[in-house]
Amino acid sequence: MDIKVQITSIGDEKVVAIPQEALDSLGWSEGTKLCLRFDHTGIDIFRPPENDEDDFHRQLLIARKAMRKYHVALRELGKT
């Protein structure tokens, strides 16, 4: 699901508002603790994994980064 959001200011901070529909679908609410990981390709916002899920989430984040980096090649491969 793609949802477009805009960066705005609150005081000295820059913020992005997450629509309620997206929060509901993820099971997140006000007060949910989240992790933010970013690099030159984009931002990942996610709930911190449980200890037994650390390896799975680490692998998932690596895969997401690769998919963002090679999205053009993957789209072309998907056409065949």
C-alpha atoms as a PDB file:
ATOM      1  CA  MET A   1       0.000   0.000   0.000  1.00  0.00           C
ATOM      2  CA  ASP A   2       1.472   3.371  -1.001  1.00  0.00           C
ATOM      3  CA  ILE A   3       0.410   6.368   1.058  1.00  0.00           C
ATOM      4  CA  LYS A   4       1.867   9.777   0.308  1.00  0.00           C
ATOM      5  CA  VAL A   5       2.771  11.913   3.316  1.00  0.00           C
ATOM      6  CA  GLN A   6       4.440  15.286   3.720  1.00  0.00           C
ATOM      7  CA  ILE A   7       7.202  16.453   6.041  1.00  0.00           C
ATOM      8  CA  THR A   8       6.002  19.293   8.273  1.00  0.00           C
ATOM      9  CA  SER A   9       7.375  21.239  11.236  1.00  0.00           C
ATOM     10  CA  ILE A  10       6.368  21.148  14.885  1.00  0.00           C
ATOM     11  CA  GLY A  11       8.607  23.584  16.716  1.00  0.00           C
ATOM     12  CA  ASP A  12      12.214  22.778  15.851  1.00  0.00           C
ATOM     13  CA  GLU A  13      11.372  19.207  14.790  1.00  0.00           C
ATOM     14  CA  LYS A  14      10.401  17.894  11.362  1.00  0.00           C
ATOM     15  CA  VAL A  15       7.622  15.294  11.462  1.00  0.00           C
ATOM     16  CA  VAL A  16       5.714  12.941   9.204  1.00  0.00           C
ATOM     17  CA  ALA A  17       2.154  12.111  10.223  1.00  0.00           C
ATOM     18  CA  ILE A  18       1.193   8.460   9.731  1.00  0.00           C
ATOM     19  CA  PRO A  19      -2.463   8.118   8.703  1.00  0.00           C
ATOM     20  CA  GLN A  20      -4.719   6.258  11.152  1.00  0.00           C
ATOM     21  CA  GLU A  21      -5.570   3.666   8.473  1.00  0.00           C
ATOM     22  CA  ALA A  22      -1.891   2.673   8.240  1.00  0.00           C
ATOM     23  CA  LEU A  23      -1.510   2.536  12.032  1.00  0.00           C
ATOM     24  CA  ASP A  24      -4.626   0.377  12.360  1.00  0.00           C
ATOM     25  CA  SER A  25      -3.437  -2.077   9.713  1.00  0.00           C
ATOM     26  CA  LEU A  26      -0.096  -2.450  11.542  1.00  0.00           C
ATOM     27  CA  GLY A  27      -1.660  -2.686  14.987  1.00  0.00           C
ATOM     28  CA  TRP A  28       0.221   0.411  16.129  1.00  0.00           C
ATOM     29  CA  SER A  29      -1.211   3.148  18.334  1.00  0.00           C
ATOM     30  CA  GLU A  30      -0.047   6.231  20.179  1.00  0.00           C
ATOM     31  CA  GLY A  31       2.775   5.232  22.519  1.00  0.00           C
ATOM     32  CA  THR A  32       3.962   2.275  20.409  1.00  0.00           C
ATOM     33  CA  LYS A  33       7.777   2.175  20.506  1.00  0.00           C
ATOM     34  CA  LEU A  34       9.301   2.070  17.022  1.00  0.00           C
ATOM     35  CA  CYS A  35      12.774   1.843  15.513  1.00  0.00           C
ATOM     36  CA  LEU A  36      13.966   4.063  12.694  1.00  0.00           C
ATOM     37  CA  ARG A  37      16.726   2.838  10.395  1.00  0.00           C
ATOM     38  CA  PHE A  38      17.875   4.830   7.386  1.00  0.00           C
ATOM     39  CA  ASP A  39      20.547   5.027   4.734  1.00  0.00           C
ATOM     40  CA  HIS A  40      20.946   6.767   1.371  1.00  0.00           C
ATOM     41  CA  THR A  41      18.142   4.646  -0.164  1.00  0.00           C
ATOM     42  CA  GLY A  42      15.355   5.413   2.298  1.00  0.00           C
ATOM     43  CA  ILE A  43      13.881   4.924   5.755  1.00  0.00           C
ATOM     44  CA  ASP A  44      12.541   1.833   7.522  1.00  0.00           C
ATOM     45  CA  ILE A  45      10.180   2.353  10.457  1.00  0.00           C
ATOM     46  CA  PHE A  46       9.439  -0.824  12.370  1.00  0.00           C
ATOM     47  CA  ARG A  47       8.490  -2.226  15.728  1.00  0.00           C
ATOM     48  CA  PRO A  48      11.570  -3.534  17.567  1.00  0.00           C
ATOM     49  CA  PRO A  49      11.742  -7.312  17.112  1.00  0.00           C
ATOM     50  CA  GLU A  50      11.446  -9.775  19.954  1.00  0.00           C
ATOM     51  CA  ASN A  51      14.727 -11.517  20.832  1.00  0.00           C
ATOM     52  CA  ASP A  52      13.778 -14.729  19.017  1.00  0.00           C
ATOM     53  CA  GLU A  53      12.896 -12.769  15.877  1.00  0.00           C
ATOM     54  CA  ASP A  54      16.084 -10.696  15.648  1.00  0.00           C
ATOM     55  CA  ASP A  55      17.681 -12.725  12.858  1.00  0.00           C
ATOM     56  CA  PHE A  56      14.516 -12.802  10.743  1.00  0.00           C
ATOM     57  CA  HIS A  57      14.007  -9.037  11.022  1.00  0.00           C
ATOM     58  CA  ARG A  58      17.666  -8.361  10.264  1.00  0.00           C
ATOM     59  CA  GLN A  59      17.385 -10.448   7.089  1.00  0.00           C
ATOM     60  CA  LEU A  60      14.129  -8.727   6.149  1.00  0.00           C
ATOM     61  CA  LEU A  61      15.698  -5.276   6.497  1.00  0.00           C
ATOM     62  CA  ILE A  62      18.642  -6.314   4.312  1.00  0.00           C
ATOM     63  CA  ALA A  63      16.232  -7.642   1.663  1.00  0.00           C
ATOM     64  CA  ARG A  64      14.187  -4.417   1.727  1.00  0.00           C
ATOM     65  CA  LYS A  65      17.340  -2.343   1.280  1.00  0.00           C
ATOM     66  CA  ALA A  66      18.397  -4.468  -1.703  1.00  0.00           C
ATOM     67  CA  MET A  67      14.917  -4.256  -3.254  1.00  0.00           C
ATOM     68  CA  ARG A  68      14.971  -0.439  -2.974  1.00  0.00           C
ATOM     69  CA  LYS A  69      18.464  -0.256  -4.441  1.00  0.00           C
ATOM     70  CA  TYR A  70      17.725  -2.609  -7.368  1.00  0.00           C
ATOM     71  CA  HIS A  71      14.039  -1.785  -7.900  1.00  0.00           C
ATOM     72  CA  VAL A  72      14.503  -1.025 -11.626  1.00  0.00           C
ATOM     73  CA  ALA A  73      16.233  -4.330 -12.334  1.00  0.00           C
ATOM     74  CA  LEU A  74      13.700  -6.260 -10.253  1.00  0.00           C
ATOM     75  CA  ARG A  75      10.798  -4.590 -12.093  1.00  0.00           C
ATOM     76  CA  GLU A  76      12.327  -5.576 -15.437  1.00  0.00           C
ATOM     77  CA  LEU A  77      12.879  -9.145 -14.266  1.00  0.00           C
ATOM     78  CA  GLY A  78       9.259  -9.284 -13.145  1.00  0.00           C
ATOM     79  CA  LYS A  79       8.061  -8.533 -16.679  1.00  0.00           C
ATOM     80  CA  THR A  80       9.394 -11.838 -18.026  1.00  0.00           C
END
